[in-house]
C-alpha atoms as a PDB file:
ATOM      1  CA  MET A   1       3.053  29.894 -24.850  1.00  0.00           C
ATOM      2  CA  ARG A   2       1.113  32.179 -22.451  1.00  0.00           C
ATOM      3  CA  THR A   3       2.106  29.901 -19.596  1.00  0.00           C
ATOM      4  CA  HIS A   4       5.772  30.666 -20.189  1.00  0.00           C
ATOM      5  CA  THR A   5       5.373  34.390 -20.890  1.00  0.00           C
ATOM      6  CA  GLY A   6       2.994  35.068 -18.010  1.00  0.00           C
ATOM      7  CA  GLU A   7       0.548  36.806 -20.350  1.00  0.00           C
ATOM      8  CA  ARG A   8      -2.914  37.206 -18.796  1.00  0.00           C
ATOM      9  CA  ARG A   9      -5.359  38.248 -21.514  1.00  0.00           C
ATOM     10  CA  PHE A  10      -8.578  37.365 -19.704  1.00  0.00           C
ATOM     11  CA  SER A  11      -9.667  39.875 -17.047  1.00  0.00           C
ATOM     12  CA  CYS A  12     -12.471  39.703 -14.519  1.00  0.00           C
ATOM     13  CA  ASP A  13     -15.040  42.514 -14.829  1.00  0.00           C
ATOM     14  CA  HIS A  14     -15.756  42.306 -11.081  1.00  0.00           C
ATOM     15  CA  CYS A  15     -12.259  42.586  -9.614  1.00  0.00           C
ATOM     16  CA  ASN A  16      -8.641  43.084 -10.633  1.00  0.00           C
ATOM     17  CA  ALA A  17      -7.951  39.393 -11.303  1.00  0.00           C
ATOM     18  CA  SER A  18      -6.626  38.326 -14.697  1.00  0.00           C
ATOM     19  CA  PHE A  19      -5.904  34.920 -16.166  1.00  0.00           C
ATOM     20  CA  GLY A  20      -3.965  33.271 -18.957  1.00  0.00           C
ATOM     21  CA  HIS A  21      -6.834  31.015 -19.993  1.00  0.00           C
ATOM     22  CA  LYS A  22     -10.523  31.715 -20.547  1.00  0.00           C
ATOM     23  CA  THR A  23     -11.531  28.544 -18.698  1.00  0.00           C
ATOM     24  CA  THR A  24      -9.713  29.757 -15.585  1.00  0.00           C
ATOM     25  CA  LEU A  25     -11.554  33.090 -15.785  1.00  0.00           C
ATOM     26  CA  MET A  26     -14.875  31.281 -16.163  1.00  0.00           C
ATOM     27  CA  GLN A  27     -14.165  29.209 -13.071  1.00  0.00           C
ATOM     28  CA  HIS A  28     -13.121  32.355 -11.166  1.00  0.00           C
ATOM     29  CA  LEU A  29     -16.432  34.043 -12.045  1.00  0.00           C
ATOM     30  CA  ASN A  30     -18.210  31.443  -9.895  1.00  0.00           C
ATOM     31  CA  THR A  31     -16.754  33.191  -6.844  1.00  0.00           C
ATOM     32  CA  HIS A  32     -18.662  36.361  -7.789  1.00  0.00           C
ATOM     33  CA  THR A  33     -21.924  34.772  -8.946  1.00  0.00           C
ATOM     34  CA  GLY A  34     -22.155  32.307  -6.076  1.00  0.00           C
ATOM     35  CA  GLU A  35     -22.615  29.465  -8.560  1.00  0.00           C
ATOM     36  CA  ARG A  36     -21.505  26.116  -7.153  1.00  0.00           C
ATOM     37  CA  PRO A  37     -21.701  23.657 -10.050  1.00  0.00           C
ATOM     38  CA  TYR A  38     -19.588  20.908  -8.449  1.00  0.00           C
ATOM     39  CA  SER A  39     -21.701  18.765  -6.119  1.00  0.00           C
ATOM     40  CA  CYS A  40     -20.753  15.955  -3.801  1.00  0.00           C
ATOM     41  CA  ASP A  41     -22.549  12.653  -4.453  1.00  0.00           C
ATOM     42  CA  HIS A  42     -22.183  11.656  -0.786  1.00  0.00           C
ATOM     43  CA  CYS A  43     -23.657  14.718   0.959  1.00  0.00           C
ATOM     44  CA  ASP A  44     -25.296  18.075   0.233  1.00  0.00           C
ATOM     45  CA  ALA A  45     -22.035  20.004  -0.197  1.00  0.00           C
ATOM     46  CA  SER A  46     -21.369  21.914  -3.418  1.00  0.00           C
ATOM     47  CA  PHE A  47     -18.387  23.942  -4.573  1.00  0.00           C
ATOM     48  CA  SER A  48     -17.448  26.655  -7.044  1.00  0.00           C
ATOM     49  CA  HIS A  49     -14.200  24.897  -8.022  1.00  0.00           C
ATOM     50  CA  ARG A  50     -13.684  21.272  -9.067  1.00  0.00           C
ATOM     51  CA  SER A  51     -10.418  21.038  -7.114  1.00  0.00           C
ATOM     52  CA  THR A  52     -12.264  21.910  -3.900  1.00  0.00           C
ATOM     53  CA  LEU A  53     -14.738  19.097  -4.570  1.00  0.00           C
ATOM     54  CA  VAL A  54     -11.844  16.676  -5.147  1.00  0.00           C
ATOM     55  CA  HIS A  55     -10.348  17.617  -1.757  1.00  0.00           C
ATOM     56  CA  HIS A  56     -13.771  17.339  -0.107  1.00  0.00           C
ATOM     57  CA  LEU A  57     -14.367  13.855  -1.544  1.00  0.00           C
ATOM     58  CA  ARG A  58     -11.312  12.641   0.345  1.00  0.00           C
ATOM     59  CA  THR A  59     -13.215  13.238   3.593  1.00  0.00           C
ATOM     60  CA  HIS A  60     -15.648  10.535   2.496  1.00  0.00           C
ATOM     61  CA  THR A  61     -13.055   8.099   1.137  1.00  0.00           C
ATOM     62  CA  ARG A  62     -10.599   8.773   3.976  1.00  0.00           C
ATOM     63  CA  GLU A  63      -7.886   9.052   1.327  1.00  0.00           C
ATOM     64  CA  HIS A  64      -4.716  10.767   2.539  1.00  0.00           C
ATOM     65  CA  PRO A  65      -2.454  10.800  -0.526  1.00  0.00           C
ATOM     66  CA  PHE A  66       0.347  12.929   0.927  1.00  0.00           C
ATOM     67  CA  ARG A  67       2.662  10.775   3.050  1.00  0.00           C
ATOM     68  CA  CYS A  68       5.699  11.727   5.126  1.00  0.00           C
ATOM     69  CA  VAL A  69       8.706   9.647   4.092  1.00  0.00           C
ATOM     70  CA  LEU A  70      10.285  10.044   7.535  1.00  0.00           C
ATOM     71  CA  CYS A  71       7.505   8.927   9.884  1.00  0.00           C
ATOM     72  CA  ASN A  72       4.758   7.628   7.558  1.00  0.00           C
ATOM     73  CA  ALA A  73       2.161  10.188   8.718  1.00  0.00           C
ATOM     74  CA  SER A  74      -0.375  10.921   5.970  1.00  0.00           C
ATOM     75  CA  PHE A  75      -2.368  14.005   5.088  1.00  0.00           C
ATOM     76  CA  LEU A  76      -5.393  15.064   3.101  1.00  0.00           C
ATOM     77  CA  LYS A  77      -3.664  18.129   1.637  1.00  0.00           C
ATOM     78  CA  LYS A  78      -0.119  18.718   0.436  1.00  0.00           C
ATOM     79  CA  ARG A  79       0.099  21.916   2.499  1.00  0.00           C
ATOM     80  CA  ARG A  80      -0.497  19.918   5.703  1.00  0.00           C
ATOM     81  CA  LEU A  81       2.412  17.617   4.815  1.00  0.00           C
ATOM     82  CA  THR A  82       4.632  20.648   4.191  1.00  0.00           C
ATOM     83  CA  ASP A  83       3.646  22.121   7.578  1.00  0.00           C
ATOM     84  CA  HIS A  84       4.308  18.751   9.240  1.00  0.00           C
ATOM     85  CA  MET A  85       7.774  18.507   7.686  1.00  0.00           C
ATOM     86  CA  THR A  86       8.633  22.030   8.840  1.00  0.00           C
ATOM     87  CA  ARG A  87       7.351  21.548  12.396  1.00  0.00           C
ATOM     88  CA  LEU A  88       8.600  18.047  13.108  1.00  0.00           C
ATOM     89  CA  HIS A  89      11.477  17.198  10.805  1.00  0.00           C
ATOM     90  CA  SER A  90      13.482  20.361  10.145  1.00  0.00           C
END
């Protein structure tokens, strides 16, 4: 229900950030502690957030899951596709 109400019961002791879920707070704390528990199996890179590792892994697999339906260009990140659509197709 917190997702729908916007309630953020879990606050960071280091900054003004607050979160709706304890797991999100715990992941955020990595930015303050410098902990980087998510490591790449292909190189020496490590990350504080799993999602950043997932994006990084695409550099090794050459996966570009975000594809333009108008010209078939593909992108590593959704934001790059959005920028492409704005610049070239609007």
